[in-house]
C-alpha atoms as a PDB file:
ATOM      1  CA  ARG A   1     137.720  85.883 114.314  1.00  0.00           C
ATOM      2  CA  TYR A   2     137.198  84.908 110.670  1.00  0.00           C
ATOM      3  CA  ARG A   3     135.611  87.661 108.611  1.00  0.00           C
ATOM      4  CA  SER A   4     133.536  86.165 105.816  1.00  0.00           C
ATOM      5  CA  LYS A   5     132.876  88.269 102.731  1.00  0.00           C
ATOM      6  CA  MET A   6     130.199  85.759 101.766  1.00  0.00           C
ATOM      7  CA  LEU A   7     128.291  86.212 105.051  1.00  0.00           C
ATOM      8  CA  TYR A   8     128.584  89.964 104.632  1.00  0.00           C
ATOM      9  CA  ASN A   9     127.141  89.800 101.093  1.00  0.00           C
ATOM     10  CA  LEU A  10     124.299  87.558 102.254  1.00  0.00           C
ATOM     11  CA  SER A  11     123.365  89.888 105.084  1.00  0.00           C
ATOM     12  CA  LEU A  12     124.339  93.564 104.493  1.00  0.00           C
ATOM     13  CA  GLY A  13     126.384  93.601 101.324  1.00  0.00           C
ATOM     14  CA  ASN A  14     123.467  93.730  98.831  1.00  0.00           C
ATOM     15  CA  TYR A  15     121.449  96.540 100.348  1.00  0.00           C
ATOM     16  CA  ASN A  16     123.085  99.199  98.237  1.00  0.00           C
ATOM     17  CA  ARG A  17     121.895  97.651  94.954  1.00  0.00           C
ATOM     18  CA  LYS A  18     118.500  99.382  95.212  1.00  0.00           C
ATOM     19  CA  PHE A  19     120.095 102.805  95.156  1.00  0.00           C
ATOM     20  CA  LYS A  20     122.060 102.740  91.884  1.00  0.00           C
ATOM     21  CA  PRO A  21     123.823 104.798  90.804  1.00  0.00           C
ATOM     22  CA  THR A  22     125.411 104.952  94.263  1.00  0.00           C
ATOM     23  CA  LYS A  23     127.761 107.593  95.582  1.00  0.00           C
ATOM     24  CA  THR A  24     129.067 105.567  98.551  1.00  0.00           C
ATOM     25  CA  PRO A  25     129.001 101.902  99.607  1.00  0.00           C
ATOM     26  CA  TYR A  26     126.571 102.975 102.342  1.00  0.00           C
ATOM     27  CA  ASP A  27     123.876 104.839 100.399  1.00  0.00           C
ATOM     28  CA  TRP A  28     121.342 102.396 101.849  1.00  0.00           C
ATOM     29  CA  LEU A  29     121.891 103.935 105.344  1.00  0.00           C
ATOM     30  CA  SER A  30     120.458 107.385 104.587  1.00  0.00           C
ATOM     31  CA  ARG A  31     119.891 110.041 101.938  1.00  0.00           C
ATOM     32  CA  ASP A  32     122.547 112.237 103.620  1.00  0.00           C
ATOM     33  CA  GLU A  33     125.711 111.589 101.571  1.00  0.00           C
ATOM     34  CA  LYS A  34     127.894 113.317 104.136  1.00  0.00           C
ATOM     35  CA  ARG A  35     126.694 110.977 106.881  1.00  0.00           C
ATOM     36  CA  ASP A  36     127.082 107.912 104.649  1.00  0.00           C
ATOM     37  CA  ARG A  37     130.675 108.873 103.881  1.00  0.00           C
ATOM     38  CA  ALA A  38     131.382 109.488 107.599  1.00  0.00           C
ATOM     39  CA  PHE A  39     130.114 105.985 108.317  1.00  0.00           C
ATOM     40  CA  GLY A  40     132.513 104.590 105.695  1.00  0.00           C
ATOM     41  CA  ASP A  41     135.434 106.571 107.064  1.00  0.00           C
ATOM     42  CA  ASP A  42     134.851 105.537 110.681  1.00  0.00           C
ATOM     43  CA  PRO A  43     136.861 102.404 111.653  1.00  0.00           C
ATOM     44  CA  LEU A  44     134.254 101.662 114.336  1.00  0.00           C
ATOM     45  CA  THR A  45     131.580 101.118 111.691  1.00  0.00           C
ATOM     46  CA  ASN A  46     133.389 100.282 108.464  1.00  0.00           C
ATOM     47  CA  PHE A  47     134.242  96.647 109.146  1.00  0.00           C
ATOM     48  CA  ILE A  48     132.890  93.175 108.365  1.00  0.00           C
ATOM     49  CA  PHE A  49     131.489  91.232 111.312  1.00  0.00           C
ATOM     50  CA  THR A  50     133.280  88.062 112.323  1.00  0.00           C
ATOM     51  CA  ALA A  51     131.578  84.723 111.615  1.00  0.00           C
ATOM     52  CA  GLY A  52     131.112  84.371 115.388  1.00  0.00           C
ATOM     53  CA  ALA A  53     129.385  87.763 115.566  1.00  0.00           C
ATOM     54  CA  TYR A  54     126.916  86.759 112.876  1.00  0.00           C
ATOM     55  CA  ARG A  55     126.262  83.501 114.777  1.00  0.00           C
ATOM     56  CA  ASP A  56     125.582  85.434 118.010  1.00  0.00           C
ATOM     57  CA  PHE A  57     123.355  87.901 116.179  1.00  0.00           C
ATOM     58  CA  PHE A  58     121.152  85.161 114.649  1.00  0.00           C
ATOM     59  CA  GLU A  59     121.090  83.248 117.951  1.00  0.00           C
ATOM     60  CA  VAL A  60     119.603  86.261 119.694  1.00  0.00           C
ATOM     61  CA  ILE A  61     116.959  86.562 116.952  1.00  0.00           C
ATOM     62  CA  LEU A  62     116.024  82.875 117.262  1.00  0.00           C
ATOM     63  CA  LYS A  63     115.913  83.007 121.079  1.00  0.00           C
ATOM     64  CA  THR A  64     113.653  86.091 120.934  1.00  0.00           C
ATOM     65  CA  ALA A  65     111.348  84.355 118.475  1.00  0.00           C
ATOM     66  CA  LYS A  66     111.148  81.309 120.728  1.00  0.00           C
ATOM     67  CA  LEU A  67     110.253  83.417 123.790  1.00  0.00           C
ATOM     68  CA  GLU A  68     107.615  85.222 121.735  1.00  0.00           C
ATOM     69  CA  LYS A  69     106.076  81.899 120.624  1.00  0.00           C
ATOM     70  CA  ALA A  70     106.169  80.544 124.136  1.00  0.00           C
ATOM     71  CA  GLY A  71     104.235  83.583 125.387  1.00  0.00           C
ATOM     72  CA  LYS A  72     107.109  84.686 127.660  1.00  0.00           C
ATOM     73  CA  MET A  73     107.596  88.087 126.175  1.00  0.00           C
ATOM     74  CA  ARG A  74     106.524  91.049 128.274  1.00  0.00           C
ATOM     75  CA  THR A  75     103.534  92.739 126.778  1.00  0.00           C
ATOM     76  CA  ASP A  76     103.304  95.709 129.165  1.00  0.00           C
ATOM     77  CA  LEU A  77     106.320  97.538 127.696  1.00  0.00           C
ATOM     78  CA  PRO A  78     105.353 100.267 125.206  1.00  0.00           C
ATOM     79  CA  ILE A  79     107.059  99.750 121.817  1.00  0.00           C
ATOM     80  CA  LEU A  80     107.634 102.403 119.143  1.00  0.00           C
ATOM     81  CA  ILE A  81     108.542 101.064 115.706  1.00  0.00           C
ATOM     82  CA  LEU A  82     109.859 103.606 113.179  1.00  0.00           C
ATOM     83  CA  SER A  83     111.228 102.981 109.734  1.00  0.00           C
ATOM     84  CA  GLY A  84     112.070 104.636 106.508  1.00  0.00           C
ATOM     85  CA  SER A  85     109.848 103.726 103.566  1.00  0.00           C
ATOM     86  CA  LYS A  86     112.932 102.980 101.535  1.00  0.00           C
ATOM     87  CA  ASP A  87     114.825 101.005 104.217  1.00  0.00           C
ATOM     88  CA  PRO A  88     115.982  97.825 102.521  1.00  0.00           C
ATOM     89  CA  VAL A  89     116.483  96.077 105.867  1.00  0.00           C
ATOM     90  CA  GLY A  90     112.779  96.534 106.624  1.00  0.00           C
ATOM     91  CA  GLU A  91     111.892  95.464 103.023  1.00  0.00           C
ATOM     92  CA  GLU A  92     110.600  98.932 102.316  1.00  0.00           C
ATOM     93  CA  THR A  93     107.911  98.690 105.102  1.00  0.00           C
ATOM     94  CA  LYS A  94     106.786  95.118 104.368  1.00  0.00           C
ATOM     95  CA  GLY A  95     109.099  93.474 106.918  1.00  0.00           C
ATOM     96  CA  VAL A  96     108.399  96.171 109.473  1.00  0.00           C
ATOM     97  CA  ARG A  97     104.660  95.675 109.095  1.00  0.00           C
ATOM     98  CA  ARG A  98     105.087  91.908 109.606  1.00  0.00           C
ATOM     99  CA  PHE A  99     107.083  92.676 112.772  1.00  0.00           C
ATOM    100  CA  TYR A 100     104.324  94.968 114.009  1.00  0.00           C
ATOM    101  CA  ASP A 101     101.677  92.300 113.281  1.00  0.00           C
ATOM    102  CA  ARG A 102     103.625  89.684 115.237  1.00  0.00           C
ATOM    103  CA  TYR A 103     103.884  91.884 118.282  1.00  0.00           C
ATOM    104  CA  ASP A 104     100.243  92.902 117.997  1.00  0.00           C
ATOM    105  CA  LYS A 105      99.227  89.221 117.905  1.00  0.00           C
ATOM    106  CA  ALA A 106     101.539  88.538 120.884  1.00  0.00           C
ATOM    107  CA  GLY A 107      99.369  90.974 122.859  1.00  0.00           C
ATOM    108  CA  VAL A 108     101.658  93.973 123.250  1.00  0.00           C
ATOM    109  CA  GLU A 109      99.411  96.509 124.981  1.00  0.00           C
ATOM    110  CA  ASP A 110     100.926  99.756 123.629  1.00  0.00           C
ATOM    111  CA  LEU A 111     102.360  99.384 120.143  1.00  0.00           C
ATOM    112  CA  SER A 112     103.034 102.361 117.785  1.00  0.00           C
ATOM    113  CA  ILE A 113     104.334 102.317 114.229  1.00  0.00           C
ATOM    114  CA  GLY A 114     105.410 105.103 111.868  1.00  0.00           C
ATOM    115  CA  PHE A 115     107.083 105.409 108.457  1.00  0.00           C
ATOM    116  CA  TYR A 116     109.080 108.292 106.948  1.00  0.00           C
ATOM    117  CA  GLU A 117     108.544 108.733 103.201  1.00  0.00           C
ATOM    118  CA  GLY A 118     111.800 108.259 101.270  1.00  0.00           C
ATOM    119  CA  ALA A 119     113.915 107.691 104.379  1.00  0.00           C
ATOM    120  CA  ARG A 120     116.321 104.764 104.568  1.00  0.00           C
ATOM    121  CA  HIS A 121     117.784 102.709 107.383  1.00  0.00           C
ATOM    122  CA  GLU A 122     119.359 105.060 109.929  1.00  0.00           C
ATOM    123  CA  LEU A 123     116.578 107.550 110.689  1.00  0.00           C
ATOM    124  CA  LEU A 124     118.682 109.696 113.063  1.00  0.00           C
ATOM    125  CA  ASN A 125     121.217 110.152 110.274  1.00  0.00           C
ATOM    126  CA  GLU A 126     118.579 111.004 107.708  1.00  0.00           C
ATOM    127  CA  LEU A 127     117.883 114.359 106.075  1.00  0.00           C
ATOM    128  CA  ASN A 128     114.711 114.636 108.191  1.00  0.00           C
ATOM    129  CA  ARG A 129     116.478 113.602 111.437  1.00  0.00           C
ATOM    130  CA  GLU A 130     115.082 116.595 113.375  1.00  0.00           C
ATOM    131  CA  GLN A 131     111.532 115.438 112.565  1.00  0.00           C
ATOM    132  CA  VAL A 132     112.404 111.891 113.637  1.00  0.00           C
ATOM    133  CA  SER A 133     114.050 113.117 116.852  1.00  0.00           C
ATOM    134  CA  GLY A 134     110.997 115.235 117.636  1.00  0.00           C
ATOM    135  CA  ASP A 135     108.642 112.338 117.073  1.00  0.00           C
ATOM    136  CA  ILE A 136     110.703 109.990 119.309  1.00  0.00           C
ATOM    137  CA  LEU A 137     110.970 112.667 121.987  1.00  0.00           C
ATOM    138  CA  GLU A 138     107.195 113.277 121.871  1.00  0.00           C
ATOM    139  CA  TRP A 139     106.554 109.533 122.216  1.00  0.00           C
ATOM    140  CA  ILE A 140     108.967 109.288 125.200  1.00  0.00           C
ATOM    141  CA  GLU A 141     107.271 112.225 126.890  1.00  0.00           C
ATOM    142  CA  GLU A 142     103.841 110.676 126.365  1.00  0.00           C
ATOM    143  CA  HIS A 143     105.050 107.453 127.958  1.00  0.00           C
ATOM    144  CA  GLU A 144     107.390 108.675 130.682  1.00  0.00           C
ATOM    145  CA  ASN A 145     104.900 107.939 133.469  1.00  0.00           C
ATOM    146  CA  ASN A 146     104.392 104.393 132.297  1.00  0.00           C
ATOM    147  CA  LYS A 147     104.731 101.841 135.037  1.00  0.00           C
ATOM    148  CA  ALA A 148     107.171  99.728 133.044  1.00  0.00           C
ATOM    149  CA  ASP A 149     110.630  99.895 134.582  1.00  0.00           C
ATOM    150  CA  ILE A 150     112.326 100.727 131.317  1.00  0.00           C
ATOM    151  CA  PHE A 151     110.990 104.266 131.348  1.00  0.00           C
ATOM    152  CA  HIS A 152     112.686 105.020 134.634  1.00  0.00           C
ATOM    153  CA  THR A 153     116.247 104.343 133.507  1.00  0.00           C
ATOM    154  CA  GLU A 154     118.747 107.180 133.514  1.00  0.00           C
ATOM    155  CA  SER A 155     119.750 106.238 129.992  1.00  0.00           C
ATOM    156  CA  LEU A 156     116.291 106.912 128.540  1.00  0.00           C
ATOM    157  CA  ARG A 157     116.286 110.343 130.136  1.00  0.00           C
ATOM    158  CA  ILE A 158     119.701 111.030 128.579  1.00  0.00           C
ATOM    159  CA  LEU A 159     118.428 109.914 125.192  1.00  0.00           C
ATOM    160  CA  ALA A 160     115.380 112.198 125.506  1.00  0.00           C
ATOM    161  CA  GLU A 161     117.700 115.038 126.441  1.00  0.00           C
ATOM    162  CA  ARG A 162     119.885 114.463 123.424  1.00  0.00           C
ATOM    163  CA  LEU A 163     116.871 114.192 121.104  1.00  0.00           C
ATOM    164  CA  SER A 164     115.574 117.496 122.410  1.00  0.00           C
ATOM    165  CA  GLN A 165     118.639 119.305 121.117  1.00  0.00           C
ATOM    166  CA  SER A 166     118.050 121.281 117.950  1.00  0.00           C
ATOM    167  CA  GLU A 167     120.318 118.974 115.930  1.00  0.00           C
ATOM    168  CA  THR A 168     121.193 115.412 116.768  1.00  0.00           C
ATOM    169  CA  GLN A 169     124.949 115.575 116.532  1.00  0.00           C
ATOM    170  CA  LEU A 170     125.721 111.946 117.274  1.00  0.00           C
ATOM    171  CA  PRO A 171     124.953 109.218 114.741  1.00  0.00           C
ATOM    172  CA  LEU A 172     122.358 106.714 115.926  1.00  0.00           C
ATOM    173  CA  ARG A 173     125.017 104.067 116.495  1.00  0.00           C
ATOM    174  CA  GLN A 174     126.693 106.238 119.105  1.00  0.00           C
ATOM    175  CA  ILE A 175     123.433 107.021 120.865  1.00  0.00           C
ATOM    176  CA  CYS A 176     121.959 103.568 120.888  1.00  0.00           C
ATOM    177  CA  TYR A 177     124.460 100.867 120.008  1.00  0.00           C
ATOM    178  CA  TYR A 178     128.205 101.293 120.584  1.00  0.00           C
ATOM    179  CA  SER A 179     128.997 103.934 123.163  1.00  0.00           C
ATOM    180  CA  PRO A 180     129.712 102.723 126.714  1.00  0.00           C
ATOM    181  CA  PRO A 181     126.892 103.567 129.154  1.00  0.00           C
ATOM    182  CA  ASN A 182     129.164 105.831 131.204  1.00  0.00           C
ATOM    183  CA  GLU A 183     129.812 107.948 128.061  1.00  0.00           C
ATOM    184  CA  VAL A 184     126.318 108.497 126.756  1.00  0.00           C
ATOM    185  CA  GLY A 185     123.939 106.396 128.887  1.00  0.00           C
ATOM    186  CA  VAL A 186     123.154 103.953 126.156  1.00  0.00           C
ATOM    187  CA  PHE A 187     119.710 102.486 126.684  1.00  0.00           C
ATOM    188  CA  SER A 188     120.149  99.406 124.536  1.00  0.00           C
ATOM    189  CA  THR A 189     123.153  98.222 126.502  1.00  0.00           C
ATOM    190  CA  GLU A 190     121.226  98.688 129.713  1.00  0.00           C
ATOM    191  CA  ILE A 191     118.177  96.636 128.690  1.00  0.00           C
ATOM    192  CA  LYS A 192     118.664  93.216 130.185  1.00  0.00           C
ATOM    193  CA  ALA A 193     117.018  90.217 128.600  1.00  0.00           C
ATOM    194  CA  ALA A 194     115.019  89.865 131.863  1.00  0.00           C
ATOM    195  CA  ASP A 195     113.365  93.242 131.155  1.00  0.00           C
ATOM    196  CA  TRP A 196     111.653  91.713 128.148  1.00  0.00           C
ATOM    197  CA  LEU A 197     110.481  88.554 129.922  1.00  0.00           C
ATOM    198  CA  ARG A 198     107.765  87.923 132.439  1.00  0.00           C
END
């Protein structure tokens, strides 16, 4: 339950430095100041992870890398990788390109990548969120008849429906990360580790 300021600074705390002068502590998330302020005002997002949460986070990353190296990652699942060209988490495209190359070398059969000029970390909270939503929706529609199980989940259909709205009202974290499945049909919480393995 210990919340370490040092771990926060080593992981997320320094991302805002690239955007000086800053208007909020979360300018690195998007160019939309209103959305950045809302993130800071929301108690569900404005907190420091516990040391245990950081441990769990990095454990998952290491386990995923081991599965990938061992050739146990499923390669038949289509993957769409999108990033802002100014996302500090993706090292302004460099880290995202390395990620793409790794999955390409691992033999992923259907791998797509795209960058949005000037956009930052949370694409569905960005100024061009309607363009991003449209691109994701188009990709989902192109892949909806894919044999991979993941494209037949109710949650993906709900996400596609939400993205097809004229304006994405919910921040990305509510669509993909934090909301309980019975509320929004969150696809990331419904993806079991087994779905990614052979």
